[in-house]
Protein backbone atom coordinates (compact mmCIF):
# COMPACT_ATOMS: atom_id res chain seq x y z
CA MET A 1 68.73 70.92 24.22
CA ILE A 2 68.85 67.75 22.19
CA PRO A 3 67.84 64.60 24.26
CA LEU A 4 70.26 61.69 24.65
CA SER A 5 67.81 59.30 22.76
CA ALA A 6 68.31 61.37 19.54
CA TYR A 7 72.11 60.85 19.73
CA VAL A 8 71.70 57.13 20.50
CA ALA A 9 69.15 56.81 17.47
CA VAL A 10 71.57 58.57 15.11
CA SER A 11 74.45 56.39 16.33
CA ALA A 12 72.45 53.24 15.98
CA VAL A 13 71.54 54.16 12.42
CA LEU A 14 75.14 54.87 11.52
CA PHE A 15 76.29 51.64 13.16
CA ALA A 16 73.62 49.63 11.29
CA THR A 17 74.62 51.34 8.02
CA GLY A 18 78.31 50.50 8.53
CA LEU A 19 77.49 46.89 9.52
CA LEU A 20 75.51 46.42 6.37
CA GLY A 21 78.30 47.91 4.31
CA VAL A 22 80.76 45.33 5.82
CA LEU A 23 78.50 42.40 5.42
CA ILE A 24 77.09 43.03 2.02
CA ARG A 25 79.74 44.88 0.02
CA ARG A 26 82.86 43.10 -1.27
CA ASN A 27 84.88 46.06 -2.29
CA PHE A 28 87.80 46.69 0.05
CA ILE A 29 87.41 50.46 -0.13
CA ILE A 30 83.67 50.23 0.76
CA VAL A 31 84.41 47.83 3.75
CA LEU A 32 87.06 50.36 5.09
CA MET A 33 84.60 53.26 4.66
CA SER A 34 81.97 51.09 6.53
CA VAL A 35 84.38 50.34 9.45
CA GLU A 36 84.93 54.06 9.67
CA ILE A 37 81.25 54.73 9.95
CA MET A 38 80.97 52.09 12.64
CA LEU A 39 83.79 53.80 14.62
CA ASN A 40 82.17 57.17 14.20
CA ALA A 41 78.94 55.84 15.65
CA ALA A 42 80.77 54.51 18.70
CA THR A 43 82.37 57.85 19.00
CA ILE A 44 79.10 59.72 18.89
CA ASN A 45 77.85 57.38 21.70
CA LEU A 46 80.81 57.98 23.84
CA VAL A 47 80.64 61.76 23.53
CA ALA A 48 76.84 61.82 24.10
CA PHE A 49 76.98 59.66 27.21
CA SER A 50 79.93 61.54 28.46
CA HIS A 51 78.13 64.94 28.11
CA TYR A 52 74.94 63.31 29.74
CA LEU A 53 76.90 61.97 32.70
CA GLU A 54 79.14 65.05 32.94
CA ALA A 55 82.41 63.01 32.78
CA MET A 56 85.42 63.55 30.56
CA GLN A 57 86.41 59.83 30.23
CA GLY A 58 84.19 59.27 27.30
CA GLN A 59 85.53 62.18 25.41
CA ILE A 60 89.13 61.15 26.03
CA VAL A 61 88.36 57.62 24.79
CA ALA A 62 86.67 59.23 21.74
CA LEU A 63 90.01 61.07 20.89
CA PHE A 64 91.77 57.70 21.05
CA ILE A 65 89.21 56.17 18.74
CA ILE A 66 89.58 58.99 16.29
CA ALA A 67 93.42 58.49 16.35
CA ILE A 68 93.02 54.70 15.85
CA ALA A 69 90.66 55.26 13.05
CA ALA A 70 93.09 57.57 11.27
CA GLY A 71 95.82 54.85 11.55
CA GLU A 72 93.49 52.26 10.31
CA ALA A 73 92.60 54.22 7.29
CA ALA A 74 96.20 55.00 6.44
CA ILE A 75 97.21 51.19 6.76
CA GLY A 76 94.13 50.17 4.83
CA LEU A 77 94.88 52.61 1.99
CA ALA A 78 98.53 51.43 1.93
CA ILE A 79 97.33 47.83 1.52
CA ILE A 80 94.92 48.99 -1.24
CA ILE A 81 97.96 50.65 -3.04
CA VAL A 82 100.00 47.51 -2.88
CA VAL A 83 97.18 45.45 -4.21
CA PHE A 84 96.49 47.87 -7.10
CA ARG A 85 100.21 47.86 -8.13
CA GLY A 86 99.98 44.03 -8.36
CA LYS A 87 96.98 44.27 -10.65
CA ILE A 88 94.90 42.33 -8.12
CA SER A 89 91.19 43.01 -7.84
CA THR A 90 89.93 45.08 -4.84
CA ASN A 91 87.21 42.44 -4.26
CA VAL A 92 87.58 41.10 -0.68
CA ASP A 93 86.76 37.56 -1.79
CA GLU A 94 89.40 37.47 -4.50
CA MET A 95 92.31 38.84 -2.34
CA ASN A 96 94.48 36.10 -0.97
CA LEU A 97 97.80 38.07 -1.27
CA LEU A 98 98.41 37.97 2.54
CA LYS A 99 97.69 34.21 2.91
CA TRP A 100 100.55 31.71 3.37
């Protein structure tokens, strides 16, 4: 059986990778992928602790996180398509389309 610390270590590495992607990269698609990686790290933690504590609440919350991540990806990709049609860069610093 794989120990809980292994799951936590993998989750920490994934979360750190996603956080670095959000902070360092400026491409909107890379930022969205990094947020997805961070959500997956949280899901791994929830499922691992849920299994370790023999409770179903963590797995149920993990399903909600997966559903929210799917919605976030769909809305993010829709925003990217609108920006591409307007011939605006996908650089996060240059996008001011949604500002007043």
